[in-house]
Structures are given as structure tokens and as C-alpha cells.
């Protein structure tokens, strides 16, 4: 049976205007390594773009072909993914994350949530743990044999860092009053392709809700994960969508976007990346639900 979620508001545009008055803001950093596309906009800057620490903000850090998102409010911070990438170099992508966090004066992260085990999402995680005070680490608990992940898990055990596995139906402990962080995927029994749990399809998908505004953060979730969300939840409507898998054609199907109806879409990918992200098919799908100036 589908899980019931809040119904869609009939006056959705009015809801967006009210959300702005509440101080909600999306901070888009595009350009540290140059991003050229007709649907992307923004300015390169390491100067914090939001000087009101009481606003609830989603910061999409430009660290190249990978993911690192920062949530902030009231001087408290949480990081979702901390990748490294070969484009630009591993060092540059890692230092881009550090430079942005340091520019905000971040000393502590209430939590570090790793959506899945790919290098472009966890490559800098160990360095983040060594550099900042981290309250708790969350991931999906999928077994992975990469040296990067094994080293990370060894460090968590040796340093006695709090570690929690989350799946569908769990809630991440929110450090902010009035903000809920719900895990929509992966399912408890995971998504398999053949005999192995698929890394991307089992990405942690988060629904972050503050007042009347909802963020849907999808990691590298692809079509099977999207189908799971559609079949499991009666309502996955969201105002702001972090596009799955860096804007790949393996994600962001029309059926999924029709259910989400995003006002703003954020794509995290590197300039001139080897994968051709973002692909044209998802861009065309996004354009059916929002305007080009709201696709970042």
C-alpha cells in the first residue's frame, strides 16, 4: 500500500512566494572550475552568498564531477556527500569543499550523510572527518569493497565515530527545529541487479521539509529507484529537486518528474566531463516542468 504524504497545494505559486518570506534560499555555486551550458547560471565565489545564518539554506558546492551538498541554519551545518573526482584533480575537488566550508566558518558538522559508496560521493569523506568535528555519519549500509570505503569504515570504528544505517521510512535526526529529514529510499531489502545490490539505485533519497517548502535530494538514484518511489509514495511533490546521477539519462524520467513537479532543478556535474553530463534527455524533461532560469 502506498504511504500517504501531504497532498499537493492548489496554490503552488503562492506557496513559493511565502517560502521566500520565510528566508528559504538555494545557494548555487557554479563556476569554480567553469560550467558552460545554456541551462546553468551562477557566479564563481568563495564568499558566502548568504549572510543570514538563520536562513535555512541548501548549498550545492561546485567540486567538479561529483556531489557535496551543505545544509545550514542557525549556525549549524550538515554535509550530504563529500566526493572526489579526477576532473578536476582529486586535490582540487577536495580543497573546493574545504574552502567553501571554511569560508562559512564551519567547525562542526552535525552529521555527514553519504548517499552511496561511489568515489565521487565519498572520496573526501575521510578527510572531512579528520578536519571537522562530525556528530554522526549516515549511509545506506550497502556492502562495498573499494579501498576508499574500507578505509572510511575502519576510521569510524577506530575513532568511535557514531555511525547509523538508514533506509526507507527512517528519519535523520534534524539539528534544526521545524525541519524534517525523511529517508524515502533505498528500500529495506535494497534494489538488486543480478546478485548484487546496485550502488546507484540504492542511493539514499532524502525529503527535506521546512514549512511549506520541500527539497528532494536523490544522490545517484536512477530509473529503478524512481519507479520504487512512484510505487511506494502517494505524493513525492517537491519544490526543489537535486537531479539524480549528475543529470544522466539514466535518471529523471518524465513519469518521475511529473510526480515531483519541481520548481527548481539543481544538477551537480563537472565542466567538460567525460560522461557528457548533463544529458539532453533529462534537460528536455526538466524544461517541461520549469523554466531554463530555474535549472542550475
C-alpha atoms as a PDB file:
ATOM      1  CA  UNK A   1       0.000   0.000   0.000  1.00  0.00           C
ATOM      2  CA  UNK A   2       1.316   3.449  -0.866  1.00  0.00           C
ATOM      3  CA  UNK A   3       2.384   5.565   2.053  1.00  0.00           C
ATOM      4  CA  UNK A   4       0.347   8.718   2.390  1.00  0.00           C
ATOM      5  CA  UNK A   5       2.103  12.041   2.178  1.00  0.00           C
ATOM      6  CA  UNK A   6       0.754  15.595   2.332  1.00  0.00           C
ATOM      7  CA  UNK A   7      -1.495  16.472  -0.589  1.00  0.00           C
ATOM      8  CA  UNK A   8      -0.388  18.918  -3.282  1.00  0.00           C
ATOM      9  CA  UNK A   9      -1.315  22.533  -2.690  1.00  0.00           C
ATOM     10  CA  UNK A  10      -3.647  24.040  -5.258  1.00  0.00           C
ATOM     11  CA  UNK A  11      -1.979  27.420  -4.976  1.00  0.00           C
ATOM     12  CA  UNK A  12       1.568  26.220  -5.522  1.00  0.00           C
ATOM     13  CA  UNK A  13       2.923  29.514  -6.814  1.00  0.00           C
ATOM     14  CA  UNK A  14       1.680  31.345  -3.734  1.00  0.00           C
ATOM     15  CA  UNK A  15       3.458  28.746  -1.625  1.00  0.00           C
ATOM     16  CA  UNK A  16       6.736  29.633  -3.363  1.00  0.00           C
ATOM     17  CA  UNK A  17       6.279  33.319  -2.574  1.00  0.00           C
ATOM     18  CA  UNK A  18       5.578  32.567   1.074  1.00  0.00           C
ATOM     19  CA  UNK A  19       8.657  30.348   1.258  1.00  0.00           C
ATOM     20  CA  UNK A  20      10.842  33.253   0.191  1.00  0.00           C
ATOM     21  CA  UNK A  21       9.460  35.321   3.027  1.00  0.00           C
ATOM     22  CA  UNK A  22      10.414  32.522   5.407  1.00  0.00           C
ATOM     23  CA  UNK A  23      14.025  33.042   4.420  1.00  0.00           C
ATOM     24  CA  UNK A  24      14.486  29.876   2.415  1.00  0.00           C
ATOM     25  CA  UNK A  25      17.207  30.155  -0.168  1.00  0.00           C
ATOM     26  CA  UNK A  26      19.056  27.881  -2.545  1.00  0.00           C
ATOM     27  CA  UNK A  27      22.726  28.764  -2.820  1.00  0.00           C
ATOM     28  CA  UNK A  28      24.125  27.611  -6.154  1.00  0.00           C
ATOM     29  CA  UNK A  29      27.886  27.686  -6.618  1.00  0.00           C
ATOM     30  CA  UNK A  30      28.717  27.149 -10.245  1.00  0.00           C
ATOM     31  CA  UNK A  31      31.990  28.151 -11.785  1.00  0.00           C
ATOM     32  CA  UNK A  32      34.914  27.255  -9.531  1.00  0.00           C
ATOM     33  CA  UNK A  33      36.051  25.093 -12.405  1.00  0.00           C
ATOM     34  CA  UNK A  34      33.851  26.650 -15.061  1.00  0.00           C
ATOM     35  CA  UNK A  35      30.497  25.343 -16.184  1.00  0.00           C
ATOM     36  CA  UNK A  36      29.254  26.332 -19.603  1.00  0.00           C
ATOM     37  CA  UNK A  37      25.710  25.441 -20.586  1.00  0.00           C
ATOM     38  CA  UNK A  38      22.634  27.336 -21.601  1.00  0.00           C
ATOM     39  CA  UNK A  39      20.670  25.995 -18.659  1.00  0.00           C
ATOM     40  CA  UNK A  40      23.250  26.751 -15.992  1.00  0.00           C
ATOM     41  CA  UNK A  41      23.884  30.075 -14.330  1.00  0.00           C
ATOM     42  CA  UNK A  42      25.677  31.447 -11.286  1.00  0.00           C
ATOM     43  CA  UNK A  43      28.798  33.204 -10.183  1.00  0.00           C
ATOM     44  CA  UNK A  44      32.104  31.815  -9.050  1.00  0.00           C
ATOM     45  CA  UNK A  45      32.739  32.834  -5.481  1.00  0.00           C
ATOM     46  CA  UNK A  46      34.140  31.568  -2.234  1.00  0.00           C
ATOM     47  CA  UNK A  47      32.499  34.422  -0.378  1.00  0.00           C
ATOM     48  CA  UNK A  48      29.398  33.158   1.435  1.00  0.00           C
ATOM     49  CA  UNK A  49      26.378  34.124  -0.648  1.00  0.00           C
ATOM     50  CA  UNK A  50      24.059  34.107   2.364  1.00  0.00           C
ATOM     51  CA  UNK A  51      24.967  36.361   5.270  1.00  0.00           C
ATOM     52  CA  UNK A  52      21.925  35.442   7.376  1.00  0.00           C
ATOM     53  CA  UNK A  53      22.918  32.364   9.354  1.00  0.00           C
ATOM     54  CA  UNK A  54      19.309  31.978  10.500  1.00  0.00           C
ATOM     55  CA  UNK A  55      18.060  31.225   6.971  1.00  0.00           C
ATOM     56  CA  UNK A  56      17.678  27.579   6.023  1.00  0.00           C
ATOM     57  CA  UNK A  57      19.960  27.123   3.038  1.00  0.00           C
ATOM     58  CA  UNK A  58      20.918  24.382   0.617  1.00  0.00           C
ATOM     59  CA  UNK A  59      24.439  24.957  -0.705  1.00  0.00           C
ATOM     60  CA  UNK A  60      25.464  22.990  -3.795  1.00  0.00           C
ATOM     61  CA  UNK A  61      29.253  23.061  -3.701  1.00  0.00           C
ATOM     62  CA  UNK A  62      30.961  23.092  -7.079  1.00  0.00           C
ATOM     63  CA  UNK A  63      33.654  20.451  -6.612  1.00  0.00           C
ATOM     64  CA  UNK A  64      33.708  19.119 -10.155  1.00  0.00           C
ATOM     65  CA  UNK A  65      32.187  15.854 -11.403  1.00  0.00           C
ATOM     66  CA  UNK A  66      30.791  14.766  -8.055  1.00  0.00           C
ATOM     67  CA  UNK A  67      28.477  15.722  -5.206  1.00  0.00           C
ATOM     68  CA  UNK A  68      28.725  17.687  -1.999  1.00  0.00           C
ATOM     69  CA  UNK A  69      25.705  19.490  -0.545  1.00  0.00           C
ATOM     70  CA  UNK A  70      25.635  21.568   2.614  1.00  0.00           C
ATOM     71  CA  UNK A  71      22.567  22.274   4.737  1.00  0.00           C
ATOM     72  CA  UNK A  72      22.763  25.223   7.114  1.00  0.00           C
ATOM     73  CA  UNK A  73      20.611  27.162   9.565  1.00  0.00           C
ATOM     74  CA  UNK A  74      21.205  28.993  12.836  1.00  0.00           C
ATOM     75  CA  UNK A  75      24.954  28.416  12.657  1.00  0.00           C
ATOM     76  CA  UNK A  76      24.548  24.637  12.410  1.00  0.00           C
ATOM     77  CA  UNK A  77      25.717  22.655   9.397  1.00  0.00           C
ATOM     78  CA  UNK A  78      25.305  19.194   7.878  1.00  0.00           C
ATOM     79  CA  UNK A  79      27.009  17.736   4.805  1.00  0.00           C
ATOM     80  CA  UNK A  80      25.468  15.367   2.284  1.00  0.00           C
ATOM     81  CA  UNK A  81      28.222  13.603   0.339  1.00  0.00           C
ATOM     82  CA  UNK A  82      31.867  14.614   0.078  1.00  0.00           C
ATOM     83  CA  UNK A  83      33.171  13.367  -3.211  1.00  0.00           C
ATOM     84  CA  UNK A  84      36.467  13.483  -5.034  1.00  0.00           C
ATOM     85  CA  UNK A  85      36.871  13.417  -8.770  1.00  0.00           C
ATOM     86  CA  UNK A  86      39.585  13.199 -11.376  1.00  0.00           C
ATOM     87  CA  UNK A  87      38.066  16.189 -13.211  1.00  0.00           C
ATOM     88  CA  UNK A  88      39.368  18.490 -11.831  1.00  0.00           C
ATOM     89  CA  UNK A  89      42.053  16.689  -9.793  1.00  0.00           C
ATOM     90  CA  UNK A  90      41.280  14.880  -6.549  1.00  0.00           C
ATOM     91  CA  UNK A  91      43.153  17.540  -4.601  1.00  0.00           C
ATOM     92  CA  UNK A  92      41.275  20.395  -6.256  1.00  0.00           C
ATOM     93  CA  UNK A  93      37.863  18.832  -5.696  1.00  0.00           C
ATOM     94  CA  UNK A  94      38.656  18.104  -2.045  1.00  0.00           C
ATOM     95  CA  UNK A  95      40.024  21.598  -1.459  1.00  0.00           C
ATOM     96  CA  UNK A  96      36.963  23.136  -3.104  1.00  0.00           C
ATOM     97  CA  UNK A  97      34.813  21.542  -0.395  1.00  0.00           C
ATOM     98  CA  UNK A  98      37.153  22.659   2.379  1.00  0.00           C
ATOM     99  CA  UNK A  99      37.469  26.188   1.004  1.00  0.00           C
ATOM    100  CA  UNK A 100      33.715  26.634   0.889  1.00  0.00           C
ATOM    101  CA  UNK A 101      33.098  25.216   4.366  1.00  0.00           C
ATOM    102  CA  UNK A 102      35.920  27.315   5.794  1.00  0.00           C
ATOM    103  CA  UNK A 103      34.549  30.445   4.114  1.00  0.00           C
ATOM    104  CA  UNK A 104      31.385  29.934   6.158  1.00  0.00           C
ATOM    105  CA  UNK A 105      33.339  29.377   9.352  1.00  0.00           C
ATOM    106  CA  UNK A 106      32.265  25.746   9.662  1.00  0.00           C
ATOM    107  CA  UNK A 107      33.961  23.946  12.554  1.00  0.00           C
ATOM    108  CA  UNK A 108      31.399  21.227  13.236  1.00  0.00           C
ATOM    109  CA  UNK A 109      29.074  19.186  11.057  1.00  0.00           C
ATOM    110  CA  UNK A 110      26.020  17.885  12.897  1.00  0.00           C
ATOM    111  CA  UNK A 111      26.017  14.953  10.509  1.00  0.00           C
ATOM    112  CA  UNK A 112      27.723  13.668   7.389  1.00  0.00           C
ATOM    113  CA  UNK A 113      25.365  11.642   5.214  1.00  0.00           C
ATOM    114  CA  UNK A 114      26.813   9.600   2.356  1.00  0.00           C
ATOM    115  CA  UNK A 115      24.151   8.733  -0.205  1.00  0.00           C
ATOM    116  CA  UNK A 116      26.131   5.776  -1.596  1.00  0.00           C
ATOM    117  CA  UNK A 117      29.646   4.434  -1.934  1.00  0.00           C
ATOM    118  CA  UNK A 118      30.842   5.824  -5.278  1.00  0.00           C
ATOM    119  CA  UNK A 119      34.157   7.690  -5.125  1.00  0.00           C
ATOM    120  CA  UNK A 120      32.668  10.913  -6.469  1.00  0.00           C
ATOM    121  CA  UNK A 121      30.395  10.950  -3.416  1.00  0.00           C
ATOM    122  CA  UNK A 122      32.665   9.639  -0.630  1.00  0.00           C
ATOM    123  CA  UNK A 123      36.224  10.315  -1.819  1.00  0.00           C
ATOM    124  CA  UNK A 124      36.743  13.272   0.530  1.00  0.00           C
ATOM    125  CA  UNK A 125      34.719  11.874   3.438  1.00  0.00           C
ATOM    126  CA  UNK A 126      37.704  10.617   5.432  1.00  0.00           C
ATOM    127  CA  UNK A 127      39.437  13.986   5.091  1.00  0.00           C
ATOM    128  CA  UNK A 128      36.241  15.741   6.186  1.00  0.00           C
ATOM    129  CA  UNK A 129      36.125  13.570   9.310  1.00  0.00           C
ATOM    130  CA  UNK A 130      39.730  14.416  10.128  1.00  0.00           C
ATOM    131  CA  UNK A 131      39.285  18.149   9.527  1.00  0.00           C
ATOM    132  CA  UNK A 132      35.898  18.847  11.148  1.00  0.00           C
ATOM    133  CA  UNK A 133      34.062  17.708  14.252  1.00  0.00           C
ATOM    134  CA  UNK A 134      31.321  15.396  12.934  1.00  0.00           C
ATOM    135  CA  UNK A 135      28.413  14.349  15.130  1.00  0.00           C
ATOM    136  CA  UNK A 136      27.199  11.254  13.267  1.00  0.00           C
ATOM    137  CA  UNK A 137      27.785   9.542   9.924  1.00  0.00           C
ATOM    138  CA  UNK A 138      24.881   8.043   7.975  1.00  0.00           C
ATOM    139  CA  UNK A 139      24.950   5.744   4.964  1.00  0.00           C
ATOM    140  CA  UNK A 140      22.827   3.040   3.331  1.00  0.00           C
ATOM    141  CA  UNK A 141      24.794   0.073   4.667  1.00  0.00           C
ATOM    142  CA  UNK A 142      25.367  -1.480   1.241  1.00  0.00           C
ATOM    143  CA  UNK A 143      28.479  -3.669   1.223  1.00  0.00           C
ATOM    144  CA  UNK A 144      31.282  -2.238  -0.870  1.00  0.00           C
ATOM    145  CA  UNK A 145      34.859  -3.410  -1.320  1.00  0.00           C
ATOM    146  CA  UNK A 146      36.608  -0.258  -2.510  1.00  0.00           C
ATOM    147  CA  UNK A 147      39.694   0.699  -0.518  1.00  0.00           C
ATOM    148  CA  UNK A 148      38.246   4.189  -0.020  1.00  0.00           C
ATOM    149  CA  UNK A 149      35.120   2.815   1.652  1.00  0.00           C
ATOM    150  CA  UNK A 150      37.031   0.229   3.672  1.00  0.00           C
ATOM    151  CA  UNK A 151      39.402   2.913   4.989  1.00  0.00           C
ATOM    152  CA  UNK A 152      36.443   5.094   5.893  1.00  0.00           C
ATOM    153  CA  UNK A 153      34.696   2.322   7.829  1.00  0.00           C
ATOM    154  CA  UNK A 154      37.942   1.420   9.605  1.00  0.00           C
ATOM    155  CA  UNK A 155      38.370   5.032  10.708  1.00  0.00           C
ATOM    156  CA  UNK A 156      34.793   5.217  12.015  1.00  0.00           C
ATOM    157  CA  UNK A 157      35.379   2.099  14.117  1.00  0.00           C
ATOM    158  CA  UNK A 158      38.827   3.079  15.399  1.00  0.00           C
ATOM    159  CA  UNK A 159      37.790   6.633  16.299  1.00  0.00           C
ATOM    160  CA  UNK A 160      34.421   5.517  17.708  1.00  0.00           C
ATOM    161  CA  UNK A 161      32.503   7.870  15.413  1.00  0.00           C
ATOM    162  CA  UNK A 162      28.749   7.398  15.681  1.00  0.00           C
ATOM    163  CA  UNK A 163      27.553   5.557  12.575  1.00  0.00           C
ATOM    164  CA  UNK A 164      23.979   4.763  11.558  1.00  0.00           C
ATOM    165  CA  UNK A 165      22.496   2.935   8.571  1.00  0.00           C
ATOM    166  CA  UNK A 166      19.275   4.447   7.227  1.00  0.00           C
ATOM    167  CA  UNK A 167      16.710   3.050   4.830  1.00  0.00           C
ATOM    168  CA  UNK A 168      13.182   3.792   3.644  1.00  0.00           C
ATOM    169  CA  UNK A 169      10.978   5.138   6.437  1.00  0.00           C
ATOM    170  CA  UNK A 170      13.799   6.318   8.675  1.00  0.00           C
ATOM    171  CA  UNK A 171      14.317   9.916   9.699  1.00  0.00           C
ATOM    172  CA  UNK A 172      17.707  11.566  10.018  1.00  0.00           C
ATOM    173  CA  UNK A 173      17.909  13.367  13.364  1.00  0.00           C
ATOM    174  CA  UNK A 174      17.447  17.008  12.396  1.00  0.00           C
ATOM    175  CA  UNK A 175      19.594  19.512  14.298  1.00  0.00           C
ATOM    176  CA  UNK A 176      17.052  22.224  13.468  1.00  0.00           C
ATOM    177  CA  UNK A 177      13.632  22.764  14.964  1.00  0.00           C
ATOM    178  CA  UNK A 178      10.841  22.654  12.398  1.00  0.00           C
ATOM    179  CA  UNK A 179      12.879  20.866   9.724  1.00  0.00           C
ATOM    180  CA  UNK A 180      12.280  17.185   8.972  1.00  0.00           C
ATOM    181  CA  UNK A 181      14.690  14.966   7.042  1.00  0.00           C
ATOM    182  CA  UNK A 182      12.974  11.786   5.867  1.00  0.00           C
ATOM    183  CA  UNK A 183      14.606   8.873   4.061  1.00  0.00           C
ATOM    184  CA  UNK A 184      12.437   7.726   1.129  1.00  0.00           C
ATOM    185  CA  UNK A 185      14.854   5.197  -0.366  1.00  0.00           C
ATOM    186  CA  UNK A 186      16.554   2.715  -0.568  1.00  0.00           C
ATOM    187  CA  UNK A 187      14.038   0.057   0.472  1.00  0.00           C
ATOM    188  CA  UNK A 188      14.904  -2.129   3.426  1.00  0.00           C
ATOM    189  CA  UNK A 189      15.609  -5.103   1.156  1.00  0.00           C
ATOM    190  CA  UNK A 190      17.537  -2.926  -1.336  1.00  0.00           C
ATOM    191  CA  UNK A 191      17.379  -2.873  -5.136  1.00  0.00           C
ATOM    192  CA  UNK A 192      19.300  -5.651  -6.875  1.00  0.00           C
ATOM    193  CA  UNK A 193      20.592  -6.003 -10.419  1.00  0.00           C
ATOM    194  CA  UNK A 194      21.552  -9.632 -10.749  1.00  0.00           C
ATOM    195  CA  UNK A 195      23.041 -10.881  -7.481  1.00  0.00           C
ATOM    196  CA  UNK A 196      24.445  -7.545  -6.328  1.00  0.00           C
ATOM    197  CA  UNK A 197      22.789  -4.592  -4.671  1.00  0.00           C
ATOM    198  CA  UNK A 198      23.147  -1.793  -7.213  1.00  0.00           C
ATOM    199  CA  UNK A 199      25.245   1.114  -5.949  1.00  0.00           C
ATOM    200  CA  UNK A 200      23.417   3.965  -7.678  1.00  0.00           C
ATOM    201  CA  UNK A 201      19.885   2.595  -7.374  1.00  0.00           C
ATOM    202  CA  UNK A 202      20.349   2.242  -3.612  1.00  0.00           C
ATOM    203  CA  UNK A 203      21.345   5.865  -3.128  1.00  0.00           C
ATOM    204  CA  UNK A 204      19.768   7.468  -0.108  1.00  0.00           C
ATOM    205  CA  UNK A 205      16.942   9.717  -1.277  1.00  0.00           C
ATOM    206  CA  UNK A 206      16.022  12.457   1.182  1.00  0.00           C
ATOM    207  CA  UNK A 207      12.891  14.534   1.534  1.00  0.00           C
ATOM    208  CA  UNK A 208      13.764  17.671   3.488  1.00  0.00           C
ATOM    209  CA  UNK A 209      10.775  19.734   4.590  1.00  0.00           C
ATOM    210  CA  UNK A 210      10.761  23.212   6.106  1.00  0.00           C
ATOM    211  CA  UNK A 211       7.389  24.896   6.411  1.00  0.00           C
ATOM    212  CA  UNK A 212       5.645  24.599   3.052  1.00  0.00           C
ATOM    213  CA  UNK A 213       8.837  24.008   1.079  1.00  0.00           C
ATOM    214  CA  UNK A 214      10.197  20.572   0.205  1.00  0.00           C
ATOM    215  CA  UNK A 215      13.602  19.556  -1.138  1.00  0.00           C
ATOM    216  CA  UNK A 216      14.082  16.172  -2.832  1.00  0.00           C
ATOM    217  CA  UNK A 217      17.739  15.111  -2.816  1.00  0.00           C
ATOM    218  CA  UNK A 218      18.329  11.987  -4.875  1.00  0.00           C
ATOM    219  CA  UNK A 219      22.042  11.127  -4.892  1.00  0.00           C
ATOM    220  CA  UNK A 220      22.687   8.934  -7.946  1.00  0.00           C
ATOM    221  CA  UNK A 221      19.237   7.320  -7.932  1.00  0.00           C
ATOM    222  CA  UNK A 222      18.293   6.002 -11.373  1.00  0.00           C
ATOM    223  CA  UNK A 223      15.142   4.721 -13.049  1.00  0.00           C
ATOM    224  CA  UNK A 224      14.519   1.693 -10.801  1.00  0.00           C
ATOM    225  CA  UNK A 225      14.817   3.842  -7.682  1.00  0.00           C
ATOM    226  CA  UNK A 226      12.474   6.385  -9.261  1.00  0.00           C
ATOM    227  CA  UNK A 227       9.987   3.593 -10.009  1.00  0.00           C
ATOM    228  CA  UNK A 228      10.247   2.461  -6.395  1.00  0.00           C
ATOM    229  CA  UNK A 229       9.461   5.974  -5.171  1.00  0.00           C
ATOM    230  CA  UNK A 230       6.488   6.245  -7.537  1.00  0.00           C
ATOM    231  CA  UNK A 231       5.059   2.889  -6.436  1.00  0.00           C
ATOM    232  CA  UNK A 232       5.639   3.457  -2.717  1.00  0.00           C
ATOM    233  CA  UNK A 233       4.611   7.049  -2.042  1.00  0.00           C
ATOM    234  CA  UNK A 234       1.315   8.715  -2.831  1.00  0.00           C
ATOM    235  CA  UNK A 235       2.974  12.126  -3.026  1.00  0.00           C
ATOM    236  CA  UNK A 236       6.596  12.976  -3.860  1.00  0.00           C
ATOM    237  CA  UNK A 237       5.869  16.554  -4.896  1.00  0.00           C
ATOM    238  CA  UNK A 238       8.861  18.813  -4.229  1.00  0.00           C
ATOM    239  CA  UNK A 239       9.748  22.437  -4.815  1.00  0.00           C
ATOM    240  CA  UNK A 240      13.483  21.894  -5.281  1.00  0.00           C
ATOM    241  CA  UNK A 241      14.946  18.776  -6.888  1.00  0.00           C
ATOM    242  CA  UNK A 242      18.584  17.794  -6.838  1.00  0.00           C
ATOM    243  CA  UNK A 243      18.670  15.809 -10.067  1.00  0.00           C
ATOM    244  CA  UNK A 244      19.758  12.188  -9.896  1.00  0.00           C
ATOM    245  CA  UNK A 245      23.125  10.949 -11.176  1.00  0.00           C
ATOM    246  CA  UNK A 246      24.531  14.290 -12.311  1.00  0.00           C
ATOM    247  CA  UNK A 247      21.854  14.835 -14.946  1.00  0.00           C
ATOM    248  CA  UNK A 248      22.347  11.450 -16.609  1.00  0.00           C
ATOM    249  CA  UNK A 249      19.758   9.993 -18.979  1.00  0.00           C
ATOM    250  CA  UNK A 250      19.613   7.037 -16.568  1.00  0.00           C
ATOM    251  CA  UNK A 251      17.612   9.288 -14.204  1.00  0.00           C
ATOM    252  CA  UNK A 252      14.923  11.979 -14.232  1.00  0.00           C
ATOM    253  CA  UNK A 253      12.292  10.196 -16.296  1.00  0.00           C
ATOM    254  CA  UNK A 254       9.216  12.091 -17.401  1.00  0.00           C
ATOM    255  CA  UNK A 255       6.978   9.959 -15.149  1.00  0.00           C
ATOM    256  CA  UNK A 256       9.138  10.737 -12.127  1.00  0.00           C
ATOM    257  CA  UNK A 257       9.272  14.462 -12.833  1.00  0.00           C
ATOM    258  CA  UNK A 258       5.518  14.547 -13.423  1.00  0.00           C
ATOM    259  CA  UNK A 259       5.069  13.327  -9.846  1.00  0.00           C
ATOM    260  CA  UNK A 260       7.701  15.673  -8.403  1.00  0.00           C
ATOM    261  CA  UNK A 261       6.738  18.795 -10.434  1.00  0.00           C
ATOM    262  CA  UNK A 262       9.867  20.693  -9.327  1.00  0.00           C
ATOM    263  CA  UNK A 263      10.047  24.470  -9.433  1.00  0.00           C
ATOM    264  CA  UNK A 264      13.861  24.446  -9.269  1.00  0.00           C
ATOM    265  CA  UNK A 265      16.247  21.741 -10.520  1.00  0.00           C
ATOM    266  CA  UNK A 266      19.896  21.559  -9.473  1.00  0.00           C
ATOM    267  CA  UNK A 267      22.425  19.435 -11.383  1.00  0.00           C
ATOM    268  CA  UNK A 268      25.862  18.755  -9.917  1.00  0.00           C
ATOM    269  CA  UNK A 269      28.398  17.896 -12.617  1.00  0.00           C
ATOM    270  CA  UNK A 270      31.829  18.977 -13.799  1.00  0.00           C
ATOM    271  CA  UNK A 271      32.645  21.077 -16.836  1.00  0.00           C
ATOM    272  CA  UNK A 272      33.676  19.079 -19.911  1.00  0.00           C
ATOM    273  CA  UNK A 273      33.228  15.808 -18.008  1.00  0.00           C
ATOM    274  CA  UNK A 274      33.860  12.516 -19.809  1.00  0.00           C
ATOM    275  CA  UNK A 275      30.238  11.386 -19.376  1.00  0.00           C
ATOM    276  CA  UNK A 276      28.616  14.259 -21.247  1.00  0.00           C
ATOM    277  CA  UNK A 277      26.554  15.233 -18.205  1.00  0.00           C
ATOM    278  CA  UNK A 278      24.026  16.698 -18.181  1.00  0.00           C
ATOM    279  CA  UNK A 279      22.445  14.652 -20.964  1.00  0.00           C
ATOM    280  CA  UNK A 280      19.936  16.223 -23.311  1.00  0.00           C
ATOM    281  CA  UNK A 281      17.028  13.873 -22.451  1.00  0.00           C
ATOM    282  CA  UNK A 282      16.695  14.887 -18.778  1.00  0.00           C
ATOM    283  CA  UNK A 283      17.221  18.539 -19.723  1.00  0.00           C
ATOM    284  CA  UNK A 284      14.281  18.284 -22.106  1.00  0.00           C
ATOM    285  CA  UNK A 285      12.237  16.637 -19.351  1.00  0.00           C
ATOM    286  CA  UNK A 286      13.115  19.367 -16.851  1.00  0.00           C
ATOM    287  CA  UNK A 287      12.028  22.020 -19.347  1.00  0.00           C
ATOM    288  CA  UNK A 288       8.521  20.536 -19.350  1.00  0.00           C
ATOM    289  CA  UNK A 289       8.103  21.379 -15.672  1.00  0.00           C
ATOM    290  CA  UNK A 290      10.116  24.534 -15.070  1.00  0.00           C
ATOM    291  CA  UNK A 291      11.898  27.306 -16.949  1.00  0.00           C
ATOM    292  CA  UNK A 292      15.543  27.436 -18.026  1.00  0.00           C
ATOM    293  CA  UNK A 293      16.388  30.120 -15.462  1.00  0.00           C
ATOM    294  CA  UNK A 294      15.407  27.673 -12.704  1.00  0.00           C
ATOM    295  CA  UNK A 295      17.645  24.837 -13.905  1.00  0.00           C
ATOM    296  CA  UNK A 296      21.105  25.128 -12.381  1.00  0.00           C
END
